[in-house]
C-alpha atoms as a PDB file:
ATOM      1  CA  MET A   1       4.752   5.321 -25.951  1.00  0.00           C
ATOM      2  CA  GLN A   2       7.634   7.025 -24.115  1.00  0.00           C
ATOM      3  CA  PRO A   3       9.221   5.035 -21.222  1.00  0.00           C
ATOM      4  CA  LEU A   4       8.497   7.832 -18.719  1.00  0.00           C
ATOM      5  CA  LEU A   5       4.854   7.922 -19.765  1.00  0.00           C
ATOM      6  CA  LYS A   6       4.685   4.140 -19.377  1.00  0.00           C
ATOM      7  CA  SER A   7       6.043   4.497 -15.836  1.00  0.00           C
ATOM      8  CA  HIS A   8       3.348   7.010 -14.913  1.00  0.00           C
ATOM      9  CA  LEU A   9       0.725   4.780 -16.518  1.00  0.00           C
ATOM     10  CA  ALA A  10       2.009   1.874 -14.402  1.00  0.00           C
ATOM     11  CA  LEU A  11       1.660   3.976 -11.223  1.00  0.00           C
ATOM     12  CA  PHE A  12      -1.867   4.946 -12.202  1.00  0.00           C
ATOM     13  CA  VAL A  13      -2.803   1.302 -12.799  1.00  0.00           C
ATOM     14  CA  VAL A  14      -1.358   0.336  -9.400  1.00  0.00           C
ATOM     15  CA  ASN A  15      -3.489   2.902  -7.603  1.00  0.00           C
ATOM     16  CA  LEU A  16      -6.492   2.023  -9.773  1.00  0.00           C
ATOM     17  CA  MET A  17      -6.194  -1.564  -8.519  1.00  0.00           C
ATOM     18  CA  TYR A  18      -5.814  -0.387  -4.921  1.00  0.00           C
ATOM     19  CA  GLY A  19      -8.816   1.902  -5.295  1.00  0.00           C
ATOM     20  CA  ALA A  20     -10.946  -0.959  -6.570  1.00  0.00           C
ATOM     21  CA  ASN A  21      -9.725  -3.259  -3.808  1.00  0.00           C
ATOM     22  CA  TYR A  22     -11.426  -1.221  -1.057  1.00  0.00           C
ATOM     23  CA  VAL A  23     -14.807  -2.003  -2.608  1.00  0.00           C
ATOM     24  CA  VAL A  24     -14.086  -5.455  -4.049  1.00  0.00           C
ATOM     25  CA  ALA A  25     -12.549  -6.960  -0.900  1.00  0.00           C
ATOM     26  CA  LYS A  26     -15.108  -5.452   1.486  1.00  0.00           C
ATOM     27  CA  GLY A  27     -17.940  -7.042  -0.487  1.00  0.00           C
ATOM     28  CA  LEU A  28     -16.508 -10.505   0.235  1.00  0.00           C
ATOM     29  CA  MET A  29     -16.208 -10.166   4.023  1.00  0.00           C
ATOM     30  CA  PRO A  30     -17.445 -11.799   6.145  1.00  0.00           C
ATOM     31  CA  THR A  31     -20.227 -13.549   4.176  1.00  0.00           C
ATOM     32  CA  ILE A  32     -17.946 -15.261   1.647  1.00  0.00           C
ATOM     33  CA  ILE A  33     -14.699 -15.446   3.609  1.00  0.00           C
ATOM     34  CA  GLY A  34     -13.466 -14.131   6.952  1.00  0.00           C
ATOM     35  CA  PRO A  35     -10.823 -11.365   6.924  1.00  0.00           C
ATOM     36  CA  ASN A  36      -8.123 -13.551   8.482  1.00  0.00           C
ATOM     37  CA  GLY A  37      -8.751 -16.428   6.070  1.00  0.00           C
ATOM     38  CA  PHE A  38      -8.758 -13.903   3.230  1.00  0.00           C
ATOM     39  CA  ILE A  39      -5.278 -12.713   4.243  1.00  0.00           C
ATOM     40  CA  LEU A  40      -3.957 -16.285   4.329  1.00  0.00           C
ATOM     41  CA  LEU A  41      -5.340 -16.893   0.843  1.00  0.00           C
ATOM     42  CA  ARG A  42      -3.908 -13.585  -0.398  1.00  0.00           C
ATOM     43  CA  VAL A  43      -0.416 -14.083   1.065  1.00  0.00           C
ATOM     44  CA  LEU A  44      -0.246 -17.752   0.046  1.00  0.00           C
ATOM     45  CA  GLY A  45      -1.200 -16.948  -3.527  1.00  0.00           C
ATOM     46  CA  ALA A  46       1.151 -13.968  -3.824  1.00  0.00           C
ATOM     47  CA  THR A  47       4.086 -15.838  -2.229  1.00  0.00           C
ATOM     48  CA  THR A  48       3.657 -18.670  -4.722  1.00  0.00           C
ATOM     49  CA  LEU A  49       3.654 -16.243  -7.650  1.00  0.00           C
ATOM     50  CA  PHE A  50       6.687 -14.366  -6.316  1.00  0.00           C
ATOM     51  CA  TRP A  51       8.694 -17.581  -5.994  1.00  0.00           C
ATOM     52  CA  LEU A  52       7.761 -18.623  -9.536  1.00  0.00           C
ATOM     53  CA  VAL A  53       9.274 -15.373 -10.808  1.00  0.00           C
ATOM     54  CA  PHE A  54      12.123 -15.244  -8.279  1.00  0.00           C
ATOM     55  CA  GLY A  55      13.161 -18.798  -9.196  1.00  0.00           C
ATOM     56  CA  THR A  56      14.259 -17.542 -12.610  1.00  0.00           C
ATOM     57  CA  ARG A  57      16.142 -14.568 -11.121  1.00  0.00           C
ATOM     58  CA  PHE A  58      17.489 -16.070  -7.907  1.00  0.00           C
ATOM     59  CA  GLN A  59      19.774 -13.965  -5.717  1.00  0.00           C
ATOM     60  CA  LYS A  60      21.436 -15.300  -2.581  1.00  0.00           C
ATOM     61  CA  VAL A  61      20.723 -13.564   0.726  1.00  0.00           C
ATOM     62  CA  GLU A  62      23.298 -13.339   3.502  1.00  0.00           C
ATOM     63  CA  PRO A  63      22.205 -15.176   6.694  1.00  0.00           C
ATOM     64  CA  LYS A  64      22.734 -12.046   8.801  1.00  0.00           C
ATOM     65  CA  ASP A  65      20.014 -10.271   6.828  1.00  0.00           C
ATOM     66  CA  LEU A  66      17.359 -12.942   7.393  1.00  0.00           C
ATOM     67  CA  MET A  67      16.441 -11.503  10.798  1.00  0.00           C
ATOM     68  CA  ARG A  68      15.771  -8.074   9.304  1.00  0.00           C
ATOM     69  CA  LEU A  69      13.751  -9.659   6.487  1.00  0.00           C
ATOM     70  CA  ALA A  70      11.692 -11.506   9.097  1.00  0.00           C
ATOM     71  CA  LEU A  71      11.104  -8.247  10.970  1.00  0.00           C
ATOM     72  CA  CYS A  72      10.063  -6.521   7.746  1.00  0.00           C
ATOM     73  CA  ALA A  73       7.629  -9.364   7.084  1.00  0.00           C
ATOM     74  CA  LEU A  74       6.052  -8.925  10.499  1.00  0.00           C
ATOM     75  CA  PHE A  75       5.153  -5.289   9.856  1.00  0.00           C
ATOM     76  CA  GLY A  76       4.961  -5.290   6.062  1.00  0.00           C
ATOM     77  CA  VAL A  77       2.803  -8.393   5.592  1.00  0.00           C
ATOM     78  CA  ALA A  78       1.379  -9.935   8.771  1.00  0.00           C
ATOM     79  CA  VAL A  79       0.382  -7.016  11.029  1.00  0.00           C
ATOM     80  CA  ASN A  80      -0.185  -4.710   8.069  1.00  0.00           C
ATOM     81  CA  GLN A  81      -2.568  -6.932   6.104  1.00  0.00           C
ATOM     82  CA  LEU A  82      -4.370  -8.530   9.051  1.00  0.00           C
ATOM     83  CA  PHE A  83      -5.279  -5.128  10.471  1.00  0.00           C
ATOM     84  CA  PHE A  84      -6.212  -3.810   7.021  1.00  0.00           C
ATOM     85  CA  PHE A  85      -8.725  -6.534   6.198  1.00  0.00           C
ATOM     86  CA  ASN A  86     -10.143  -6.676   9.722  1.00  0.00           C
ATOM     87  CA  GLY A  87     -10.445  -2.885   9.592  1.00  0.00           C
ATOM     88  CA  LEU A  88     -11.963  -2.805   6.110  1.00  0.00           C
ATOM     89  CA  MET A  89     -14.643  -5.252   7.240  1.00  0.00           C
ATOM     90  CA  ARG A  90     -15.623  -2.782  10.001  1.00  0.00           C
ATOM     91  CA  THR A  91     -15.397   0.519   8.142  1.00  0.00           C
ATOM     92  CA  SER A  92     -16.330   2.028   4.804  1.00  0.00           C
ATOM     93  CA  PRO A  93     -14.129   1.836   1.694  1.00  0.00           C
ATOM     94  CA  ILE A  94     -13.829   5.630   1.494  1.00  0.00           C
ATOM     95  CA  ASN A  95     -12.751   5.907   5.146  1.00  0.00           C
ATOM     96  CA  ALA A  96     -10.081   3.253   4.625  1.00  0.00           C
ATOM     97  CA  ALA A  97      -8.765   4.958   1.478  1.00  0.00           C
ATOM     98  CA  VAL A  98      -8.469   8.383   3.110  1.00  0.00           C
ATOM     99  CA  ILE A  99      -6.853   7.096   6.306  1.00  0.00           C
ATOM    100  CA  MET A 100      -4.274   5.199   4.226  1.00  0.00           C
ATOM    101  CA  THR A 101      -3.045   8.519   2.814  1.00  0.00           C
ATOM    102  CA  THR A 102      -1.523   9.254   6.238  1.00  0.00           C
ATOM    103  CA  ASN A 103       1.167   6.677   5.435  1.00  0.00           C
ATOM    104  CA  PRO A 104       3.749   9.232   4.166  1.00  0.00           C
ATOM    105  CA  ILE A 105       3.258  11.266   7.361  1.00  0.00           C
ATOM    106  CA  ILE A 106       3.936   8.222   9.528  1.00  0.00           C
ATOM    107  CA  VAL A 107       6.997   7.383   7.415  1.00  0.00           C
ATOM    108  CA  PHE A 108       8.249  10.933   8.054  1.00  0.00           C
ATOM    109  CA  ILE A 109       7.815  10.539  11.839  1.00  0.00           C
ATOM    110  CA  LEU A 110       9.604   7.191  11.877  1.00  0.00           C
ATOM    111  CA  SER A 111      12.401   8.588   9.701  1.00  0.00           C
ATOM    112  CA  LEU A 112      12.944  11.345  12.257  1.00  0.00           C
ATOM    113  CA  ILE A 113      13.159   8.785  15.060  1.00  0.00           C
ATOM    114  CA  LEU A 114      14.945   5.850  13.437  1.00  0.00           C
ATOM    115  CA  LEU A 115      16.935   7.416  10.596  1.00  0.00           C
ATOM    116  CA  LYS A 116      17.712  10.670  12.437  1.00  0.00           C
ATOM    117  CA  GLU A 117      16.512  12.827   9.545  1.00  0.00           C
ATOM    118  CA  LYS A 118      16.425  16.574  10.204  1.00  0.00           C
ATOM    119  CA  PRO A 119      12.936  18.066  10.688  1.00  0.00           C
ATOM    120  CA  GLN A 120      11.770  21.022   8.604  1.00  0.00           C
ATOM    121  CA  LEU A 121       9.144  23.605   9.524  1.00  0.00           C
ATOM    122  CA  LEU A 122       6.792  22.920   6.603  1.00  0.00           C
ATOM    123  CA  LYS A 123       6.996  19.178   7.171  1.00  0.00           C
ATOM    124  CA  ILE A 124       6.170  19.661  10.845  1.00  0.00           C
ATOM    125  CA  LEU A 125       3.186  21.819   9.822  1.00  0.00           C
ATOM    126  CA  GLY A 126       2.119  19.098   7.407  1.00  0.00           C
ATOM    127  CA  LEU A 127       2.407  16.540  10.170  1.00  0.00           C
ATOM    128  CA  VAL A 128       0.111  18.582  12.434  1.00  0.00           C
ATOM    129  CA  LEU A 129      -2.458  19.241   9.694  1.00  0.00           C
ATOM    130  CA  GLY A 130      -2.479  15.628   8.516  1.00  0.00           C
ATOM    131  CA  ALA A 131      -2.780  14.222  12.036  1.00  0.00           C
ATOM    132  CA  THR A 132      -5.602  16.651  12.865  1.00  0.00           C
ATOM    133  CA  GLY A 133      -7.507  15.770   9.701  1.00  0.00           C
ATOM    134  CA  SER A 134      -7.031  12.058  10.307  1.00  0.00           C
ATOM    135  CA  ILE A 135      -8.275  12.264  13.901  1.00  0.00           C
ATOM    136  CA  ILE A 136     -11.358  14.275  12.913  1.00  0.00           C
ATOM    137  CA  PHE A 137     -12.061  11.930  10.016  1.00  0.00           C
ATOM    138  CA  THR A 138     -11.740   8.837  12.228  1.00  0.00           C
ATOM    139  CA  LEU A 139     -14.002  10.233  14.947  1.00  0.00           C
ATOM    140  CA  GLN A 140     -16.722  10.761  12.367  1.00  0.00           C
ATOM    141  CA  GLY A 141     -16.845   6.998  11.935  1.00  0.00           C
ATOM    142  CA  ALA A 142     -19.249   6.916  14.865  1.00  0.00           C
ATOM    143  CA  SER A 143     -21.814   8.997  12.965  1.00  0.00           C
ATOM    144  CA  GLY A 144     -23.381   6.038  11.192  1.00  0.00           C
ATOM    145  CA  GLY A 145     -23.132   4.349   7.801  1.00  0.00           C
ATOM    146  CA  GLU A 146     -20.712   1.543   7.171  1.00  0.00           C
ATOM    147  CA  SER A 147     -17.843   3.018   9.180  1.00  0.00           C
ATOM    148  CA  THR A 148     -16.905   2.497  12.822  1.00  0.00           C
ATOM    149  CA  VAL A 149     -14.192   4.028  14.983  1.00  0.00           C
ATOM    150  CA  LEU A 150     -12.707   0.580  15.652  1.00  0.00           C
ATOM    151  CA  GLY A 151     -12.494  -0.141  11.932  1.00  0.00           C
ATOM    152  CA  ASP A 152     -10.845   3.219  11.261  1.00  0.00           C
ATOM    153  CA  VAL A 153      -8.332   2.625  14.074  1.00  0.00           C
ATOM    154  CA  PHE A 154      -7.479  -0.774  12.572  1.00  0.00           C
ATOM    155  CA  ILE A 155      -6.818   0.879   9.195  1.00  0.00           C
ATOM    156  CA  PHE A 156      -4.590   3.447  10.895  1.00  0.00           C
ATOM    157  CA  VAL A 157      -2.617   0.665  12.649  1.00  0.00           C
ATOM    158  CA  ASN A 158      -2.238  -0.937   9.229  1.00  0.00           C
ATOM    159  CA  ALA A 159      -0.880   2.317   7.777  1.00  0.00           C
ATOM    160  CA  ALA A 160       1.525   2.736  10.703  1.00  0.00           C
ATOM    161  CA  SER A 161       2.726  -0.856  10.403  1.00  0.00           C
ATOM    162  CA  TYR A 162       3.388  -0.482   6.690  1.00  0.00           C
ATOM    163  CA  ALA A 163       5.192   2.816   7.306  1.00  0.00           C
ATOM    164  CA  LEU A 164       7.516   1.081   9.781  1.00  0.00           C
ATOM    165  CA  TYR A 165       8.126  -1.612   7.175  1.00  0.00           C
ATOM    166  CA  LEU A 166       9.131   1.012   4.595  1.00  0.00           C
ATOM    167  CA  VAL A 167      11.726   2.409   6.997  1.00  0.00           C
ATOM    168  CA  LEU A 168      13.067  -1.000   8.035  1.00  0.00           C
ATOM    169  CA  VAL A 169      13.297  -2.337   4.483  1.00  0.00           C
ATOM    170  CA  LYS A 170      15.255   0.635   3.104  1.00  0.00           C
ATOM    171  CA  PRO A 171      18.768  -0.826   3.814  1.00  0.00           C
ATOM    172  CA  LEU A 172      17.756  -4.143   2.273  1.00  0.00           C
ATOM    173  CA  MET A 173      16.469  -2.486  -0.901  1.00  0.00           C
ATOM    174  CA  ALA A 174      19.850  -0.802  -1.280  1.00  0.00           C
ATOM    175  CA  LYS A 175      21.671  -4.132  -0.944  1.00  0.00           C
ATOM    176  CA  TYR A 176      19.457  -6.576  -2.869  1.00  0.00           C
ATOM    177  CA  LYS A 177      17.192  -6.598  -5.886  1.00  0.00           C
ATOM    178  CA  PRO A 178      13.608  -5.565  -5.014  1.00  0.00           C
ATOM    179  CA  LEU A 179      12.264  -8.937  -6.178  1.00  0.00           C
ATOM    180  CA  THR A 180      14.632 -10.729  -3.777  1.00  0.00           C
ATOM    181  CA  VAL A 181      13.496  -8.629  -0.822  1.00  0.00           C
ATOM    182  CA  ILE A 182       9.757  -8.871  -1.479  1.00  0.00           C
ATOM    183  CA  THR A 183       9.907 -12.633  -2.093  1.00  0.00           C
ATOM    184  CA  TRP A 184      11.595 -13.277   1.256  1.00  0.00           C
ATOM    185  CA  VAL A 185       9.373 -10.749   3.021  1.00  0.00           C
ATOM    186  CA  PHE A 186       6.259 -12.527   1.772  1.00  0.00           C
ATOM    187  CA  THR A 187       7.757 -15.930   2.638  1.00  0.00           C
ATOM    188  CA  PHE A 188       8.310 -14.942   6.272  1.00  0.00           C
ATOM    189  CA  GLY A 189       4.965 -13.146   6.234  1.00  0.00           C
ATOM    190  CA  LEU A 190       3.230 -16.355   5.188  1.00  0.00           C
ATOM    191  CA  ILE A 191       4.755 -18.137   8.197  1.00  0.00           C
ATOM    192  CA  TYR A 192       3.422 -15.438  10.539  1.00  0.00           C
ATOM    193  CA  VAL A 193      -0.052 -15.551   9.020  1.00  0.00           C
ATOM    194  CA  LEU A 194      -0.093 -19.361   9.299  1.00  0.00           C
ATOM    195  CA  LEU A 195       0.804 -19.040  12.989  1.00  0.00           C
ATOM    196  CA  TRP A 196      -2.260 -16.832  13.538  1.00  0.00           C
ATOM    197  CA  PRO A 197      -4.926 -19.466  14.476  1.00  0.00           C
ATOM    198  CA  MET A 198      -7.893 -17.552  13.050  1.00  0.00           C
ATOM    199  CA  SER A 199      -6.363 -17.487   9.561  1.00  0.00           C
ATOM    200  CA  SER A 200      -6.328 -21.243   9.049  1.00  0.00           C
ATOM    201  CA  SER A 201      -9.684 -21.772  10.754  1.00  0.00           C
ATOM    202  CA  GLU A 202     -11.467 -19.108   8.671  1.00  0.00           C
ATOM    203  CA  LEU A 203      -9.944 -20.351   5.431  1.00  0.00           C
ATOM    204  CA  GLY A 204     -10.897 -23.922   6.356  1.00  0.00           C
ATOM    205  CA  GLN A 205     -14.497 -22.840   6.975  1.00  0.00           C
ATOM    206  CA  THR A 206     -14.773 -21.206   3.544  1.00  0.00           C
ATOM    207  CA  GLN A 207     -17.038 -23.239   1.263  1.00  0.00           C
ATOM    208  CA  PHE A 208     -15.244 -22.717  -2.046  1.00  0.00           C
ATOM    209  CA  ASP A 209     -17.454 -25.247  -3.858  1.00  0.00           C
ATOM    210  CA  THR A 210     -20.524 -23.113  -3.156  1.00  0.00           C
ATOM    211  CA  ILE A 211     -19.012 -19.729  -3.999  1.00  0.00           C
ATOM    212  CA  GLU A 212     -20.439 -18.105  -7.115  1.00  0.00           C
ATOM    213  CA  THR A 213     -18.178 -17.367 -10.079  1.00  0.00           C
ATOM    214  CA  ALA A 214     -18.377 -13.597  -9.516  1.00  0.00           C
ATOM    215  CA  ALA A 215     -17.074 -13.977  -5.943  1.00  0.00           C
ATOM    216  CA  LEU A 216     -14.291 -16.315  -7.081  1.00  0.00           C
ATOM    217  CA  LEU A 217     -13.210 -13.721  -9.631  1.00  0.00           C
ATOM    218  CA  ARG A 218     -13.111 -11.127  -6.849  1.00  0.00           C
ATOM    219  CA  LEU A 219     -10.879 -13.387  -4.763  1.00  0.00           C
ATOM    220  CA  LEU A 220      -8.574 -13.900  -7.744  1.00  0.00           C
ATOM    221  CA  PHE A 221      -8.499 -10.148  -8.372  1.00  0.00           C
ATOM    222  CA  VAL A 222      -7.296  -9.451  -4.808  1.00  0.00           C
ATOM    223  CA  VAL A 223      -4.573 -12.110  -4.943  1.00  0.00           C
ATOM    224  CA  VAL A 224      -3.211 -11.283  -8.398  1.00  0.00           C
ATOM    225  CA  CYS A 225      -4.210  -7.693  -9.204  1.00  0.00           C
ATOM    226  CA  VAL A 226      -3.929  -6.155  -5.722  1.00  0.00           C
ATOM    227  CA  THR A 227      -1.015  -8.117  -4.258  1.00  0.00           C
ATOM    228  CA  PHE A 228       1.213  -9.525  -7.009  1.00  0.00           C
ATOM    229  CA  LEU A 229       0.913  -7.293 -10.094  1.00  0.00           C
ATOM    230  CA  PRO A 230       1.124  -3.902  -8.289  1.00  0.00           C
ATOM    231  CA  TYR A 231       4.536  -4.789  -6.905  1.00  0.00           C
ATOM    232  CA  LEU A 232       5.872  -5.728 -10.353  1.00  0.00           C
ATOM    233  CA  LEU A 233       4.443  -2.526 -11.836  1.00  0.00           C
ATOM    234  CA  MET A 234       5.982  -0.474  -9.019  1.00  0.00           C
ATOM    235  CA  VAL A 235       9.404  -2.004  -9.714  1.00  0.00           C
ATOM    236  CA  TYR A 236       9.038  -1.082 -13.390  1.00  0.00           C
ATOM    237  CA  ALA A 237       7.911   2.476 -12.612  1.00  0.00           C
ATOM    238  CA  MET A 238      10.604   3.154 -10.007  1.00  0.00           C
ATOM    239  CA  LYS A 239      13.304   2.684 -12.663  1.00  0.00           C
ATOM    240  CA  ARG A 240      12.409   6.090 -14.114  1.00  0.00           C
ATOM    241  CA  VAL A 241      10.257   7.830 -11.478  1.00  0.00           C
ATOM    242  CA  SER A 242      11.526   9.053  -8.104  1.00  0.00           C
ATOM    243  CA  PRO A 243       9.965   7.851  -4.818  1.00  0.00           C
ATOM    244  CA  ALA A 244       8.743  11.416  -4.155  1.00  0.00           C
ATOM    245  CA  VAL A 245       6.793  11.445  -7.415  1.00  0.00           C
ATOM    246  CA  SER A 246       5.416   7.931  -7.008  1.00  0.00           C
ATOM    247  CA  SER A 247       4.229   8.658  -3.463  1.00  0.00           C
ATOM    248  CA  THR A 248       2.002  11.488  -4.700  1.00  0.00           C
ATOM    249  CA  TYR A 249      -0.131   8.918  -6.495  1.00  0.00           C
ATOM    250  CA  ILE A 250      -1.531   7.891  -3.101  1.00  0.00           C
ATOM    251  CA  TYR A 251      -3.796  10.945  -3.445  1.00  0.00           C
ATOM    252  CA  LEU A 252      -5.631   9.130  -6.230  1.00  0.00           C
ATOM    253  CA  GLN A 253      -6.781   6.251  -4.027  1.00  0.00           C
ATOM    254  CA  PRO A 254      -9.652   8.037  -2.228  1.00  0.00           C
ATOM    255  CA  ILE A 255     -10.793   9.576  -5.519  1.00  0.00           C
ATOM    256  CA  LEU A 256     -10.666   6.275  -7.396  1.00  0.00           C
ATOM    257  CA  THR A 257     -12.321   4.501  -4.465  1.00  0.00           C
ATOM    258  CA  GLY A 258     -15.143   7.052  -4.601  1.00  0.00           C
ATOM    259  CA  VAL A 259     -15.548   6.363  -8.334  1.00  0.00           C
ATOM    260  CA  PHE A 260     -15.737   2.602  -7.726  1.00  0.00           C
ATOM    261  CA  ILE A 261     -18.257   3.116  -4.900  1.00  0.00           C
ATOM    262  CA  TYR A 262     -20.596   4.894  -7.299  1.00  0.00           C
ATOM    263  CA  LEU A 263     -19.955   2.392 -10.106  1.00  0.00           C
ATOM    264  CA  PHE A 264     -20.857  -0.497  -7.798  1.00  0.00           C
ATOM    265  CA  TRP A 265     -23.951   1.417  -6.664  1.00  0.00           C
ATOM    266  CA  LEU A 266     -25.024   2.105 -10.254  1.00  0.00           C
ATOM    267  CA  ALA A 267     -24.498  -1.584 -11.096  1.00  0.00           C
ATOM    268  CA  GLY A 268     -26.820  -2.578  -8.263  1.00  0.00           C
ATOM    269  CA  LEU A 269     -24.054  -4.144  -6.187  1.00  0.00           C
ATOM    270  CA  GLU A 270     -22.866  -2.930  -2.755  1.00  0.00           C
ATOM    271  CA  ASP A 271     -23.967   0.532  -1.669  1.00  0.00           C
ATOM    272  CA  TYR A 272     -21.469   2.521   0.410  1.00  0.00           C
ATOM    273  CA  THR A 273     -22.618   5.967  -0.718  1.00  0.00           C
ATOM    274  CA  ASN A 274     -24.134   6.759   2.698  1.00  0.00           C
ATOM    275  CA  ASP A 275     -20.614   7.237   4.089  1.00  0.00           C
ATOM    276  CA  PHE A 276     -19.978  10.439   2.145  1.00  0.00           C
ATOM    277  CA  SER A 277     -20.409  13.693   4.057  1.00  0.00           C
ATOM    278  CA  PHE A 278     -19.268  17.324   3.891  1.00  0.00           C
ATOM    279  CA  GLY A 279     -17.438  16.978   7.225  1.00  0.00           C
ATOM    280  CA  LYS A 280     -15.433  14.034   5.926  1.00  0.00           C
ATOM    281  CA  LEU A 281     -14.590  15.975   2.788  1.00  0.00           C
ATOM    282  CA  LEU A 282     -13.117  18.842   4.835  1.00  0.00           C
ATOM    283  CA  SER A 283     -11.132  16.564   7.144  1.00  0.00           C
ATOM    284  CA  ALA A 284      -9.859  14.579   4.143  1.00  0.00           C
ATOM    285  CA  LEU A 285      -8.701  17.871   2.607  1.00  0.00           C
ATOM    286  CA  LEU A 286      -6.642  18.546   5.761  1.00  0.00           C
ATOM    287  CA  VAL A 287      -5.059  15.109   5.408  1.00  0.00           C
ATOM    288  CA  PHE A 288      -4.199  15.713   1.750  1.00  0.00           C
ATOM    289  CA  ILE A 289      -2.632  19.113   2.475  1.00  0.00           C
ATOM    290  CA  GLY A 290      -0.644  17.624   5.359  1.00  0.00           C
ATOM    291  CA  VAL A 291       0.633  14.740   3.238  1.00  0.00           C
ATOM    292  CA  TYR A 292       1.631  17.128   0.465  1.00  0.00           C
ATOM    293  CA  LEU A 293       3.669  19.303   2.836  1.00  0.00           C
ATOM    294  CA  VAL A 294       5.416  16.210   4.205  1.00  0.00           C
ATOM    295  CA  ILE A 295       6.320  14.579   0.885  1.00  0.00           C
ATOM    296  CA  ARG A 296       6.964  17.733  -1.199  1.00  0.00           C
ATOM    297  CA  PRO A 297      10.574  17.916  -2.385  1.00  0.00           C
ATOM    298  CA  THR A 298      12.776  20.549  -0.769  1.00  0.00           C
ATOM    299  CA  LYS A 299      14.723  23.117  -2.793  1.00  0.00           C
ATOM    300  CA  LYS A 300      17.898  21.178  -2.098  1.00  0.00           C
ATOM    301  CA  ALA A 301      16.340  17.953  -3.371  1.00  0.00           C
ATOM    302  CA  VAL A 302      15.066  19.686  -6.509  1.00  0.00           C
ATOM    303  CA  SER A 303      18.487  21.196  -7.258  1.00  0.00           C
ATOM    304  CA  ASN A 304      20.061  17.757  -7.064  1.00  0.00           C
END
């Protein structure tokens, strides 16, 4: 298999895991484990795995960069993941997947503000279309089913927090190896999550000895296959695929999430099919068009 094809396969697998996570993780909360305890378990497990790998490829970090790493951890791990799981518990998997596709739009806005990038007409149009679609989609959360406006807002805060992290971490990624950055980001993130009182209390209340094997496998899937492995696959893929190309794979998440929703329904597991509607399809289409206009490469970028 060609290296480039392997890179695209890695990106597909990453988004396949993310698509499954919307259904897998939601089915565990709050009956098996609370969202805050779930995050502590997820970050603790991933941080341990990252250090096991990082220990064999150690790279020293300058003390002056620790503050920025800590700030990246706040938005890239703590706020991001706590709002995501608390939001996912209150909304439907398909709503969460679609709202997450606004991430490139938010990155574009923050780049204009923080990195002083020059705005372009088509990107501005994409911003308007994507924001309009996202607002309409979120407001439909009050129409019934598994979704709620509060849950959708939490998912949006999660997307915004992660977008800010992507902007803040950019200088660090240029200076250090990606594994070095993500290991320290998760380490500081673990400290933040431990400081959040509800995380420890919810994890302490979880009765692991009474959890069925199927639920334990779901927990393991989220820690390893949704948190740890995707990062390693992304690092492999980014060696040969540009960020612009890799970001387009975010379009797959709502589609793959929809597939997993129906697979779970056919298997007699959780049923989230009542959250599909024609109105949501149209508003999601606006979001997709907006994201495309924002992340599409310019003629100058293509010529380079």
